[in-house]
């Protein structure tokens, strides 16, 4: 399928979330896990949810975000299992959702 040149020029490259954005989400998730409070859990889900529609994030990142969205809810008991279900995906966020490193170009052989 070929797109007209004008449509192609309008397609914008969406940047990956920055390390700071992912770290902010991670810290909010840890706060939700620890405090079991509606405020921090709602903020965690609010920051994580838009990442599910991010066009450049990998499936493994979206799986991690989905797990975080599902687990970041207030519960009647703040058990170890509840905290772990939030902490586990929060720890993985900065590992699986970062922009992949660009491969470094091999230096071209010089002619002698």
PDB file of N, CA and C in Angstrom:
ATOM      1  N   UNK A   1       0.853  -1.180   0.000  1.00  0.00           N
ATOM      2  CA  UNK A   1       0.000   0.000   0.000  1.00  0.00           C
ATOM      3  C   UNK A   1       0.889   1.230   0.000  1.00  0.00           C
ATOM      4  N   UNK A   2       0.729   2.037  -0.973  1.00  0.00           N
ATOM      5  CA  UNK A   2       1.542   3.260  -1.105  1.00  0.00           C
ATOM      6  C   UNK A   2       0.720   4.456  -0.631  1.00  0.00           C
ATOM      7  N   UNK A   3       1.324   5.259   0.199  1.00  0.00           N
ATOM      8  CA  UNK A   3       0.675   6.479   0.669  1.00  0.00           C
ATOM      9  C   UNK A   3       1.149   7.660  -0.162  1.00  0.00           C
ATOM     10  N   UNK A   4       0.286   8.597  -0.434  1.00  0.00           N
ATOM     11  CA  UNK A   4       0.736   9.801  -1.143  1.00  0.00           C
ATOM     12  C   UNK A   4       1.808  10.517  -0.328  1.00  0.00           C
ATOM     13  N   UNK A   5       2.664  11.226  -1.009  1.00  0.00           N
ATOM     14  CA  UNK A   5       3.784  11.914  -0.352  1.00  0.00           C
ATOM     15  C   UNK A   5       3.309  12.892   0.714  1.00  0.00           C
ATOM     16  N   UNK A   6       2.174  13.538   0.513  1.00  0.00           N
ATOM     17  CA  UNK A   6       1.683  14.504   1.493  1.00  0.00           C
ATOM     18  C   UNK A   6       1.261  13.822   2.784  1.00  0.00           C
ATOM     19  N   UNK A   7       0.676  12.630   2.672  1.00  0.00           N
ATOM     20  CA  UNK A   7       0.279  11.885   3.868  1.00  0.00           C
ATOM     21  C   UNK A   7       1.519  11.384   4.587  1.00  0.00           C
ATOM     22  N   UNK A   8       2.490  10.904   3.839  1.00  0.00           N
ATOM     23  CA  UNK A   8       3.717  10.404   4.435  1.00  0.00           C
ATOM     24  C   UNK A   8       4.436  11.503   5.211  1.00  0.00           C
ATOM     25  N   UNK A   9       4.416  12.709   4.699  1.00  0.00           N
ATOM     26  CA  UNK A   9       5.087  13.826   5.360  1.00  0.00           C
ATOM     27  C   UNK A   9       4.394  14.211   6.659  1.00  0.00           C
ATOM     28  N   UNK A  10       3.090  13.905   6.782  1.00  0.00           N
ATOM     29  CA  UNK A  10       2.341  14.266   7.982  1.00  0.00           C
ATOM     30  C   UNK A  10       2.514  13.262   9.112  1.00  0.00           C
ATOM     31  N   UNK A  11       3.016  12.071   8.825  1.00  0.00           N
ATOM     32  CA  UNK A  11       3.211  11.057   9.860  1.00  0.00           C
ATOM     33  C   UNK A  11       4.376  11.485  10.732  1.00  0.00           C
ATOM     34  N   UNK A  12       4.114  11.599  12.016  1.00  0.00           N
ATOM     35  CA  UNK A  12       5.142  12.051  12.942  1.00  0.00           C
ATOM     36  C   UNK A  12       5.668  10.867  13.737  1.00  0.00           C
ATOM     37  N   UNK A  13       6.940  10.906  14.017  1.00  0.00           N
ATOM     38  CA  UNK A  13       7.569   9.854  14.809  1.00  0.00           C
ATOM     39  C   UNK A  13       7.341  10.171  16.288  1.00  0.00           C
ATOM     40  N   UNK A  14       6.631   9.293  16.970  1.00  0.00           N
ATOM     41  CA  UNK A  14       6.325   9.484  18.382  1.00  0.00           C
ATOM     42  C   UNK A  14       7.540   9.045  19.200  1.00  0.00           C
ATOM     43  N   UNK A  15       8.050   9.914  20.071  1.00  0.00           N
ATOM     44  CA  UNK A  15       9.243   9.546  20.842  1.00  0.00           C
ATOM     45  C   UNK A  15       8.920   8.506  21.924  1.00  0.00           C
ATOM     46  N   UNK A  16       9.937   7.741  22.271  1.00  0.00           N
ATOM     47  CA  UNK A  16       9.798   6.798  23.390  1.00  0.00           C
ATOM     48  C   UNK A  16       9.640   7.597  24.677  1.00  0.00           C
ATOM     49  N   UNK A  17       8.994   7.012  25.689  1.00  0.00           N
ATOM     50  CA  UNK A  17       8.946   7.698  26.987  1.00  0.00           C
ATOM     51  C   UNK A  17      10.378   7.867  27.514  1.00  0.00           C
ATOM     52  N   UNK A  18      10.628   8.988  28.146  1.00  0.00           N
ATOM     53  CA  UNK A  18      11.970   9.242  28.677  1.00  0.00           C
ATOM     54  C   UNK A  18      12.204   8.399  29.935  1.00  0.00           C
ATOM     55  N   UNK A  19      13.466   8.289  30.301  1.00  0.00           N
ATOM     56  CA  UNK A  19      13.831   7.570  31.528  1.00  0.00           C
ATOM     57  C   UNK A  19      13.149   8.220  32.726  1.00  0.00           C
ATOM     58  N   UNK A  20      13.044   9.550  32.712  1.00  0.00           N
ATOM     59  CA  UNK A  20      12.429  10.272  33.827  1.00  0.00           C
ATOM     60  C   UNK A  20      10.932   9.958  33.926  1.00  0.00           C
ATOM     61  N   UNK A  21      10.249   9.859  32.779  1.00  0.00           N
ATOM     62  CA  UNK A  21       8.824   9.534  32.782  1.00  0.00           C
ATOM     63  C   UNK A  21       8.593   8.118  33.314  1.00  0.00           C
ATOM     64  N   UNK A  22       9.420   7.185  32.875  1.00  0.00           N
ATOM     65  CA  UNK A  22       9.289   5.806  33.348  1.00  0.00           C
ATOM     66  C   UNK A  22       9.614   5.712  34.833  1.00  0.00           C
ATOM     67  N   UNK A  23      10.618   6.468  35.270  1.00  0.00           N
ATOM     68  CA  UNK A  23      11.004   6.453  36.689  1.00  0.00           C
ATOM     69  C   UNK A  23       9.884   7.061  37.542  1.00  0.00           C
ATOM     70  N   UNK A  24       9.228   8.117  37.055  1.00  0.00           N
ATOM     71  CA  UNK A  24       8.119   8.725  37.795  1.00  0.00           C
ATOM     72  C   UNK A  24       6.980   7.721  37.955  1.00  0.00           C
ATOM     73  N   UNK A  25       6.673   6.984  36.887  1.00  0.00           N
ATOM     74  CA  UNK A  25       5.634   5.958  36.957  1.00  0.00           C
ATOM     75  C   UNK A  25       6.043   4.855  37.927  1.00  0.00           C
ATOM     76  N   UNK A  26       7.288   4.467  37.883  1.00  0.00           N
ATOM     77  CA  UNK A  26       7.800   3.427  38.775  1.00  0.00           C
ATOM     78  C   UNK A  26       7.658   3.861  40.246  1.00  0.00           C
ATOM     79  N   UNK A  27       8.038   5.083  40.550  1.00  0.00           N
ATOM     80  CA  UNK A  27       7.943   5.579  41.927  1.00  0.00           C
ATOM     81  C   UNK A  27       6.493   5.677  42.396  1.00  0.00           C
ATOM     82  N   UNK A  28       5.595   6.096  41.510  1.00  0.00           N
ATOM     83  CA  UNK A  28       4.175   6.141  41.859  1.00  0.00           C
ATOM     84  C   UNK A  28       3.650   4.736  42.152  1.00  0.00           C
ATOM     85  N   UNK A  29       4.077   3.773  41.357  1.00  0.00           N
ATOM     86  CA  UNK A  29       3.642   2.392  41.571  1.00  0.00           C
ATOM     87  C   UNK A  29       4.136   1.877  42.919  1.00  0.00           C
ATOM     88  N   UNK A  30       5.374   2.190  43.251  1.00  0.00           N
ATOM     89  CA  UNK A  30       5.906   1.775  44.563  1.00  0.00           C
ATOM     90  C   UNK A  30       5.104   2.419  45.691  1.00  0.00           C
ATOM     91  N   UNK A  31       4.716   3.694  45.498  1.00  0.00           N
ATOM     92  CA  UNK A  31       3.917   4.382  46.504  1.00  0.00           C
ATOM     93  C   UNK A  31       2.544   3.727  46.635  1.00  0.00           C
ATOM     94  N   UNK A  32       1.935   3.365  45.522  1.00  0.00           N
ATOM     95  CA  UNK A  32       0.644   2.669  45.534  1.00  0.00           C
ATOM     96  C   UNK A  32       0.771   1.345  46.275  1.00  0.00           C
ATOM     97  N   UNK A  33       1.849   0.634  45.982  1.00  0.00           N
ATOM     98  CA  UNK A  33       2.093  -0.656  46.624  1.00  0.00           C
ATOM     99  C   UNK A  33       2.219  -0.499  48.142  1.00  0.00           C
ATOM    100  N   UNK A  34       2.975   0.488  48.555  1.00  0.00           N
ATOM    101  CA  UNK A  34       3.264   0.678  49.977  1.00  0.00           C
ATOM    102  C   UNK A  34       2.065   1.256  50.731  1.00  0.00           C
ATOM    103  N   UNK A  35       1.456   2.308  50.165  1.00  0.00           N
ATOM    104  CA  UNK A  35       0.414   3.038  50.889  1.00  0.00           C
ATOM    105  C   UNK A  35      -0.975   2.428  50.739  1.00  0.00           C
ATOM    106  N   UNK A  36      -1.226   1.733  49.622  1.00  0.00           N
ATOM    107  CA  UNK A  36      -2.550   1.158  49.358  1.00  0.00           C
ATOM    108  C   UNK A  36      -3.621   2.247  49.437  1.00  0.00           C
ATOM    109  N   UNK A  37      -3.288   3.418  48.839  1.00  0.00           N
ATOM    110  CA  UNK A  37      -4.183   4.579  48.895  1.00  0.00           C
ATOM    111  C   UNK A  37      -4.738   4.879  47.509  1.00  0.00           C
ATOM    112  N   UNK A  38      -6.004   5.329  47.453  1.00  0.00           N
ATOM    113  CA  UNK A  38      -6.620   5.618  46.154  1.00  0.00           C
ATOM    114  C   UNK A  38      -5.858   6.661  45.331  1.00  0.00           C
ATOM    115  N   UNK A  39      -5.312   7.673  45.986  1.00  0.00           N
ATOM    116  CA  UNK A  39      -4.633   8.757  45.276  1.00  0.00           C
ATOM    117  C   UNK A  39      -3.449   8.225  44.464  1.00  0.00           C
ATOM    118  N   UNK A  40      -2.538   7.526  45.104  1.00  0.00           N
ATOM    119  CA  UNK A  40      -1.344   7.047  44.402  1.00  0.00           C
ATOM    120  C   UNK A  40      -1.677   5.942  43.397  1.00  0.00           C
ATOM    121  N   UNK A  41      -2.643   5.105  43.711  1.00  0.00           N
ATOM    122  CA  UNK A  41      -3.012   4.028  42.785  1.00  0.00           C
ATOM    123  C   UNK A  41      -3.716   4.581  41.546  1.00  0.00           C
ATOM    124  N   UNK A  42      -4.580   5.583  41.734  1.00  0.00           N
ATOM    125  CA  UNK A  42      -5.256   6.214  40.594  1.00  0.00           C
ATOM    126  C   UNK A  42      -4.246   6.932  39.697  1.00  0.00           C
ATOM    127  N   UNK A  43      -3.280   7.622  40.319  1.00  0.00           N
ATOM    128  CA  UNK A  43      -2.249   8.311  39.542  1.00  0.00           C
ATOM    129  C   UNK A  43      -1.393   7.308  38.770  1.00  0.00           C
ATOM    130  N   UNK A  44      -1.087   6.181  39.395  1.00  0.00           N
ATOM    131  CA  UNK A  44      -0.296   5.146  38.719  1.00  0.00           C
ATOM    132  C   UNK A  44      -1.016   4.647  37.473  1.00  0.00           C
ATOM    133  N   UNK A  45      -2.285   4.312  37.634  1.00  0.00           N
ATOM    134  CA  UNK A  45      -3.065   3.839  36.475  1.00  0.00           C
ATOM    135  C   UNK A  45      -3.213   4.937  35.429  1.00  0.00           C
ATOM    136  N   UNK A  46      -3.381   6.173  35.882  1.00  0.00           N
ATOM    137  CA  UNK A  46      -3.527   7.298  34.957  1.00  0.00           C
ATOM    138  C   UNK A  46      -2.282   7.543  34.112  1.00  0.00           C
ATOM    139  N   UNK A  47      -1.096   7.370  34.703  1.00  0.00           N
ATOM    140  CA  UNK A  47       0.144   7.532  33.942  1.00  0.00           C
ATOM    141  C   UNK A  47       0.437   6.318  33.063  1.00  0.00           C
ATOM    142  N   UNK A  48       0.074   5.141  33.538  1.00  0.00           N
ATOM    143  CA  UNK A  48       0.395   3.915  32.804  1.00  0.00           C
ATOM    144  C   UNK A  48      -0.537   3.675  31.623  1.00  0.00           C
ATOM    145  N   UNK A  49      -1.788   4.009  31.770  1.00  0.00           N
ATOM    146  CA  UNK A  49      -2.779   3.680  30.744  1.00  0.00           C
ATOM    147  C   UNK A  49      -2.443   4.217  29.349  1.00  0.00           C
ATOM    148  N   UNK A  50      -2.007   5.473  29.199  1.00  0.00           N
ATOM    149  CA  UNK A  50      -1.678   5.960  27.845  1.00  0.00           C
ATOM    150  C   UNK A  50      -0.541   5.178  27.175  1.00  0.00           C
ATOM    151  N   UNK A  51       0.317   4.554  27.968  1.00  0.00           N
ATOM    152  CA  UNK A  51       1.414   3.774  27.379  1.00  0.00           C
ATOM    153  C   UNK A  51       0.898   2.554  26.624  1.00  0.00           C
ATOM    154  N   UNK A  52      -0.296   2.101  26.956  1.00  0.00           N
ATOM    155  CA  UNK A  52      -0.871   0.943  26.262  1.00  0.00           C
ATOM    156  C   UNK A  52      -1.140   1.265  24.785  1.00  0.00           C
ATOM    157  N   UNK A  53      -1.369   2.526  24.463  1.00  0.00           N
ATOM    158  CA  UNK A  53      -1.649   2.930  23.082  1.00  0.00           C
ATOM    159  C   UNK A  53      -0.430   3.511  22.379  1.00  0.00           C
ATOM    160  N   UNK A  54       0.722   3.478  23.026  1.00  0.00           N
ATOM    161  CA  UNK A  54       1.932   4.050  22.443  1.00  0.00           C
ATOM    162  C   UNK A  54       2.371   3.191  21.257  1.00  0.00           C
ATOM    163  N   UNK A  55       2.510   3.791  20.067  1.00  0.00           N
ATOM    164  CA  UNK A  55       2.783   2.994  18.870  1.00  0.00           C
ATOM    165  C   UNK A  55       4.173   2.374  18.799  1.00  0.00           C
ATOM    166  N   UNK A  56       5.139   2.871  19.558  1.00  0.00           N
ATOM    167  CA  UNK A  56       6.508   2.369  19.417  1.00  0.00           C
ATOM    168  C   UNK A  56       6.942   1.424  20.525  1.00  0.00           C
ATOM    169  N   UNK A  57       6.118   1.256  21.550  1.00  0.00           N
ATOM    170  CA  UNK A  57       6.522   0.376  22.652  1.00  0.00           C
ATOM    171  C   UNK A  57       6.340  -1.081  22.265  1.00  0.00           C
ATOM    172  N   UNK A  58       7.231  -1.909  22.759  1.00  0.00           N
ATOM    173  CA  UNK A  58       7.205  -3.334  22.433  1.00  0.00           C
ATOM    174  C   UNK A  58       6.054  -4.043  23.146  1.00  0.00           C
ATOM    175  N   UNK A  59       5.766  -5.235  22.672  1.00  0.00           N
ATOM    176  CA  UNK A  59       4.709  -6.043  23.294  1.00  0.00           C
ATOM    177  C   UNK A  59       5.088  -6.393  24.723  1.00  0.00           C
ATOM    178  N   UNK A  60       6.352  -6.661  24.981  1.00  0.00           N
ATOM    179  CA  UNK A  60       6.762  -7.002  26.350  1.00  0.00           C
ATOM    180  C   UNK A  60       6.598  -5.807  27.283  1.00  0.00           C
ATOM    181  N   UNK A  61       6.843  -4.607  26.782  1.00  0.00           N
ATOM    182  CA  UNK A  61       6.627  -3.405  27.589  1.00  0.00           C
ATOM    183  C   UNK A  61       5.142  -3.236  27.881  1.00  0.00           C
ATOM    184  N   UNK A  62       4.314  -3.401  26.855  1.00  0.00           N
ATOM    185  CA  UNK A  62       2.866  -3.244  27.050  1.00  0.00           C
ATOM    186  C   UNK A  62       2.315  -4.321  27.978  1.00  0.00           C
ATOM    187  N   UNK A  63       2.866  -5.521  27.929  1.00  0.00           N
ATOM    188  CA  UNK A  63       2.458  -6.574  28.875  1.00  0.00           C
ATOM    189  C   UNK A  63       2.780  -6.149  30.303  1.00  0.00           C
ATOM    190  N   UNK A  64       3.950  -5.568  30.494  1.00  0.00           N
ATOM    191  CA  UNK A  64       4.363  -5.095  31.823  1.00  0.00           C
ATOM    192  C   UNK A  64       3.468  -3.958  32.290  1.00  0.00           C
ATOM    193  N   UNK A  65       3.171  -3.022  31.397  1.00  0.00           N
ATOM    194  CA  UNK A  65       2.293  -1.888  31.737  1.00  0.00           C
ATOM    195  C   UNK A  65       0.894  -2.404  32.070  1.00  0.00           C
ATOM    196  N   UNK A  66       0.394  -3.353  31.285  1.00  0.00           N
ATOM    197  CA  UNK A  66      -0.934  -3.927  31.527  1.00  0.00           C
ATOM    198  C   UNK A  66      -0.981  -4.586  32.912  1.00  0.00           C
ATOM    199  N   UNK A  67       0.056  -5.330  33.238  1.00  0.00           N
ATOM    200  CA  UNK A  67       0.131  -5.982  34.548  1.00  0.00           C
ATOM    201  C   UNK A  67       0.096  -4.928  35.658  1.00  0.00           C
ATOM    202  N   UNK A  68       0.799  -3.831  35.450  1.00  0.00           N
ATOM    203  CA  UNK A  68       0.830  -2.749  36.435  1.00  0.00           C
ATOM    204  C   UNK A  68      -0.540  -2.083  36.570  1.00  0.00           C
ATOM    205  N   UNK A  69      -1.200  -1.822  35.447  1.00  0.00           N
ATOM    206  CA  UNK A  69      -2.531  -1.201  35.468  1.00  0.00           C
ATOM    207  C   UNK A  69      -3.516  -2.095  36.220  1.00  0.00           C
ATOM    208  N   UNK A  70      -3.472  -3.396  35.950  1.00  0.00           N
ATOM    209  CA  UNK A  70      -4.399  -4.328  36.586  1.00  0.00           C
ATOM    210  C   UNK A  70      -4.150  -4.477  38.086  1.00  0.00           C
ATOM    211  N   UNK A  71      -2.891  -4.420  38.504  1.00  0.00           N
ATOM    212  CA  UNK A  71      -2.557  -4.651  39.915  1.00  0.00           C
ATOM    213  C   UNK A  71      -2.664  -3.396  40.774  1.00  0.00           C
ATOM    214  N   UNK A  72      -2.562  -2.221  40.182  1.00  0.00           N
ATOM    215  CA  UNK A  72      -2.510  -0.968  40.955  1.00  0.00           C
ATOM    216  C   UNK A  72      -3.896  -0.511  41.378  1.00  0.00           C
ATOM    217  N   UNK A  73      -4.505  -1.304  42.208  1.00  0.00           N
ATOM    218  CA  UNK A  73      -5.827  -0.981  42.744  1.00  0.00           C
ATOM    219  C   UNK A  73      -5.785  -1.126  44.257  1.00  0.00           C
ATOM    220  N   UNK A  74      -6.579  -0.311  44.928  1.00  0.00           N
ATOM    221  CA  UNK A  74      -6.654  -0.369  46.386  1.00  0.00           C
ATOM    222  C   UNK A  74      -7.329  -1.681  46.783  1.00  0.00           C
ATOM    223  N   UNK A  75      -6.779  -2.334  47.790  1.00  0.00           N
ATOM    224  CA  UNK A  75      -7.335  -3.597  48.275  1.00  0.00           C
ATOM    225  C   UNK A  75      -7.662  -3.469  49.755  1.00  0.00           C
ATOM    226  N   UNK A  76      -8.528  -4.339  50.248  1.00  0.00           N
ATOM    227  CA  UNK A  76      -8.899  -4.285  51.663  1.00  0.00           C
ATOM    228  C   UNK A  76      -7.727  -4.670  52.558  1.00  0.00           C
ATOM    229  N   UNK A  77      -6.835  -5.501  52.055  1.00  0.00           N
ATOM    230  CA  UNK A  77      -5.657  -5.914  52.813  1.00  0.00           C
ATOM    231  C   UNK A  77      -4.409  -5.672  51.972  1.00  0.00           C
ATOM    232  N   UNK A  78      -3.434  -4.994  52.544  1.00  0.00           N
ATOM    233  CA  UNK A  78      -2.199  -4.718  51.813  1.00  0.00           C
ATOM    234  C   UNK A  78      -1.207  -5.859  52.046  1.00  0.00           C
ATOM    235  N   UNK A  79      -1.529  -7.001  51.486  1.00  0.00           N
ATOM    236  CA  UNK A  79      -0.728  -8.212  51.701  1.00  0.00           C
ATOM    237  C   UNK A  79       0.564  -8.166  50.890  1.00  0.00           C
ATOM    238  N   UNK A  80       1.463  -9.071  51.232  1.00  0.00           N
ATOM    239  CA  UNK A  80       2.707  -9.190  50.493  1.00  0.00           C
ATOM    240  C   UNK A  80       2.420  -9.519  49.030  1.00  0.00           C
ATOM    241  N   UNK A  81       1.444 -10.383  48.785  1.00  0.00           N
ATOM    242  CA  UNK A  81       1.118 -10.766  47.406  1.00  0.00           C
ATOM    243  C   UNK A  81       0.646  -9.556  46.596  1.00  0.00           C
ATOM    244  N   UNK A  82      -0.159  -8.695  47.208  1.00  0.00           N
ATOM    245  CA  UNK A  82      -0.632  -7.494  46.525  1.00  0.00           C
ATOM    246  C   UNK A  82       0.535  -6.576  46.209  1.00  0.00           C
ATOM    247  N   UNK A  83       1.372  -6.319  47.209  1.00  0.00           N
ATOM    248  CA  UNK A  83       2.518  -5.431  47.000  1.00  0.00           C
ATOM    249  C   UNK A  83       3.455  -5.992  45.933  1.00  0.00           C
ATOM    250  N   UNK A  84       3.691  -7.292  45.970  1.00  0.00           N
ATOM    251  CA  UNK A  84       4.582  -7.914  44.994  1.00  0.00           C
ATOM    252  C   UNK A  84       3.998  -7.852  43.582  1.00  0.00           C
ATOM    253  N   UNK A  85       2.671  -7.966  43.465  1.00  0.00           N
ATOM    254  CA  UNK A  85       2.039  -7.915  42.141  1.00  0.00           C
ATOM    255  C   UNK A  85       2.170  -6.526  41.511  1.00  0.00           C
ATOM    256  N   UNK A  86       2.425  -5.503  42.314  1.00  0.00           N
ATOM    257  CA  UNK A  86       2.657  -4.154  41.809  1.00  0.00           C
ATOM    258  C   UNK A  86       4.154  -3.899  41.636  1.00  0.00           C
ATOM    259  N   UNK A  87       4.943  -4.309  42.613  1.00  0.00           N
ATOM    260  CA  UNK A  87       6.385  -4.051  42.577  1.00  0.00           C
ATOM    261  C   UNK A  87       7.088  -4.776  41.424  1.00  0.00           C
ATOM    262  N   UNK A  88       6.658  -5.994  41.131  1.00  0.00           N
ATOM    263  CA  UNK A  88       7.306  -6.793  40.081  1.00  0.00           C
ATOM    264  C   UNK A  88       7.274  -6.082  38.724  1.00  0.00           C
ATOM    265  N   UNK A  89       6.083  -5.695  38.215  1.00  0.00           N
ATOM    266  CA  UNK A  89       6.093  -4.989  36.932  1.00  0.00           C
ATOM    267  C   UNK A  89       6.733  -3.595  37.023  1.00  0.00           C
ATOM    268  N   UNK A  90       6.629  -2.952  38.177  1.00  0.00           N
ATOM    269  CA  UNK A  90       7.243  -1.623  38.333  1.00  0.00           C
ATOM    270  C   UNK A  90       8.762  -1.722  38.180  1.00  0.00           C
ATOM    271  N   UNK A  91       9.364  -2.759  38.736  1.00  0.00           N
ATOM    272  CA  UNK A  91      10.813  -2.947  38.607  1.00  0.00           C
ATOM    273  C   UNK A  91      11.220  -3.164  37.147  1.00  0.00           C
ATOM    274  N   UNK A  92      10.376  -3.854  36.385  1.00  0.00           N
ATOM    275  CA  UNK A  92      10.708  -4.178  34.990  1.00  0.00           C
ATOM    276  C   UNK A  92      10.519  -3.000  34.035  1.00  0.00           C
ATOM    277  N   UNK A  93       9.741  -1.996  34.438  1.00  0.00           N
ATOM    278  CA  UNK A  93       9.431  -0.874  33.542  1.00  0.00           C
ATOM    279  C   UNK A  93      10.661  -0.273  32.879  1.00  0.00           C
ATOM    280  N   UNK A  94      11.638   0.102  33.673  1.00  0.00           N
ATOM    281  CA  UNK A  94      12.800   0.779  33.114  1.00  0.00           C
ATOM    282  C   UNK A  94      13.695  -0.164  32.316  1.00  0.00           C
ATOM    283  N   UNK A  95      13.485  -1.454  32.460  1.00  0.00           N
ATOM    284  CA  UNK A  95      14.274  -2.415  31.683  1.00  0.00           C
ATOM    285  C   UNK A  95      13.658  -2.704  30.328  1.00  0.00           C
ATOM    286  N   UNK A  96      12.348  -2.908  30.280  1.00  0.00           N
ATOM    287  CA  UNK A  96      11.713  -3.352  29.036  1.00  0.00           C
ATOM    288  C   UNK A  96      11.083  -2.229  28.215  1.00  0.00           C
ATOM    289  N   UNK A  97      10.944  -1.041  28.799  1.00  0.00           N
ATOM    290  CA  UNK A  97      10.254   0.032  28.074  1.00  0.00           C
ATOM    291  C   UNK A  97      11.182   1.132  27.569  1.00  0.00           C
ATOM    292  N   UNK A  98      12.456   1.004  27.797  1.00  0.00           N
ATOM    293  CA  UNK A  98      13.397   2.013  27.314  1.00  0.00           C
ATOM    294  C   UNK A  98      13.617   1.856  25.820  1.00  0.00           C
ATOM    295  N   UNK A  99      13.962   2.965  25.183  1.00  0.00           N
ATOM    296  CA  UNK A  99      14.277   2.927  23.759  1.00  0.00           C
ATOM    297  C   UNK A  99      15.508   2.047  23.561  1.00  0.00           C
ATOM    298  N   UNK A 100      15.440   1.122  22.600  1.00  0.00           N
ATOM    299  CA  UNK A 100      16.605   0.267  22.366  1.00  0.00           C
ATOM    300  C   UNK A 100      17.799   1.096  21.902  1.00  0.00           C
ATOM    301  N   UNK A 101      18.965   0.681  22.333  1.00  0.00           N
ATOM    302  CA  UNK A 101      20.180   1.373  21.901  1.00  0.00           C
ATOM    303  C   UNK A 101      20.356   1.186  20.408  1.00  0.00           C
ATOM    304  N   UNK A 102      20.776   2.243  19.773  1.00  0.00           N
ATOM    305  CA  UNK A 102      21.031   2.154  18.339  1.00  0.00           C
ATOM    306  C   UNK A 102      22.362   1.441  18.144  1.00  0.00           C
ATOM    307  N   UNK A 103      22.398   0.495  17.223  1.00  0.00           N
ATOM    308  CA  UNK A 103      23.669  -0.193  16.997  1.00  0.00           C
ATOM    309  C   UNK A 103      24.710   0.789  16.465  1.00  0.00           C
ATOM    310  N   UNK A 104      25.892   0.671  17.008  1.00  0.00           N
ATOM    311  CA  UNK A 104      26.960   1.561  16.562  1.00  0.00           C
ATOM    312  C   UNK A 104      27.490   1.051  15.233  1.00  0.00           C
ATOM    313  N   UNK A 105      27.714   1.997  14.355  1.00  0.00           N
ATOM    314  CA  UNK A 105      28.224   1.626  13.048  1.00  0.00           C
ATOM    315  C   UNK A 105      29.681   1.209  13.182  1.00  0.00           C
ATOM    316  N   UNK A 106      30.012   0.145  12.507  1.00  0.00           N
ATOM    317  CA  UNK A 106      31.402  -0.300  12.507  1.00  0.00           C
ATOM    318  C   UNK A 106      32.233   0.706  11.706  1.00  0.00           C
ATOM    319  N   UNK A 107      33.408   1.029  12.203  1.00  0.00           N
ATOM    320  CA  UNK A 107      34.224   1.973  11.442  1.00  0.00           C
ATOM    321  C   UNK A 107      34.608   1.354  10.094  1.00  0.00           C
ATOM    322  N   UNK A 108      34.574   2.188   9.098  1.00  0.00           N
ATOM    323  CA  UNK A 108      34.914   1.656   7.772  1.00  0.00           C
ATOM    324  C   UNK A 108      36.435   1.450   7.695  1.00  0.00           C
ATOM    325  N   UNK A 109      36.810   0.370   7.055  1.00  0.00           N
ATOM    326  CA  UNK A 109      38.261   0.116   6.958  1.00  0.00           C
ATOM    327  C   UNK A 109      38.933   1.214   6.127  1.00  0.00           C
ATOM    328  N   UNK A 110      40.033   1.667   6.630  1.00  0.00           N
ATOM    329  CA  UNK A 110      40.753   2.725   5.910  1.00  0.00           C
ATOM    330  C   UNK A 110      41.691   2.086   4.894  1.00  0.00           C
ATOM    331  N   UNK A 111      41.823   2.744   3.807  1.00  0.00           N
ATOM    332  CA  UNK A 111      42.695   2.203   2.770  1.00  0.00           C
ATOM    333  C   UNK A 111      44.105   2.703   3.011  1.00  0.00           C
ATOM    334  N   UNK A 112      45.055   1.818   2.866  1.00  0.00           N
ATOM    335  CA  UNK A 112      46.452   2.220   3.047  1.00  0.00           C
ATOM    336  C   UNK A 112      47.219   2.097   1.767  1.00  0.00           C
TER     337      UNK A 112
END
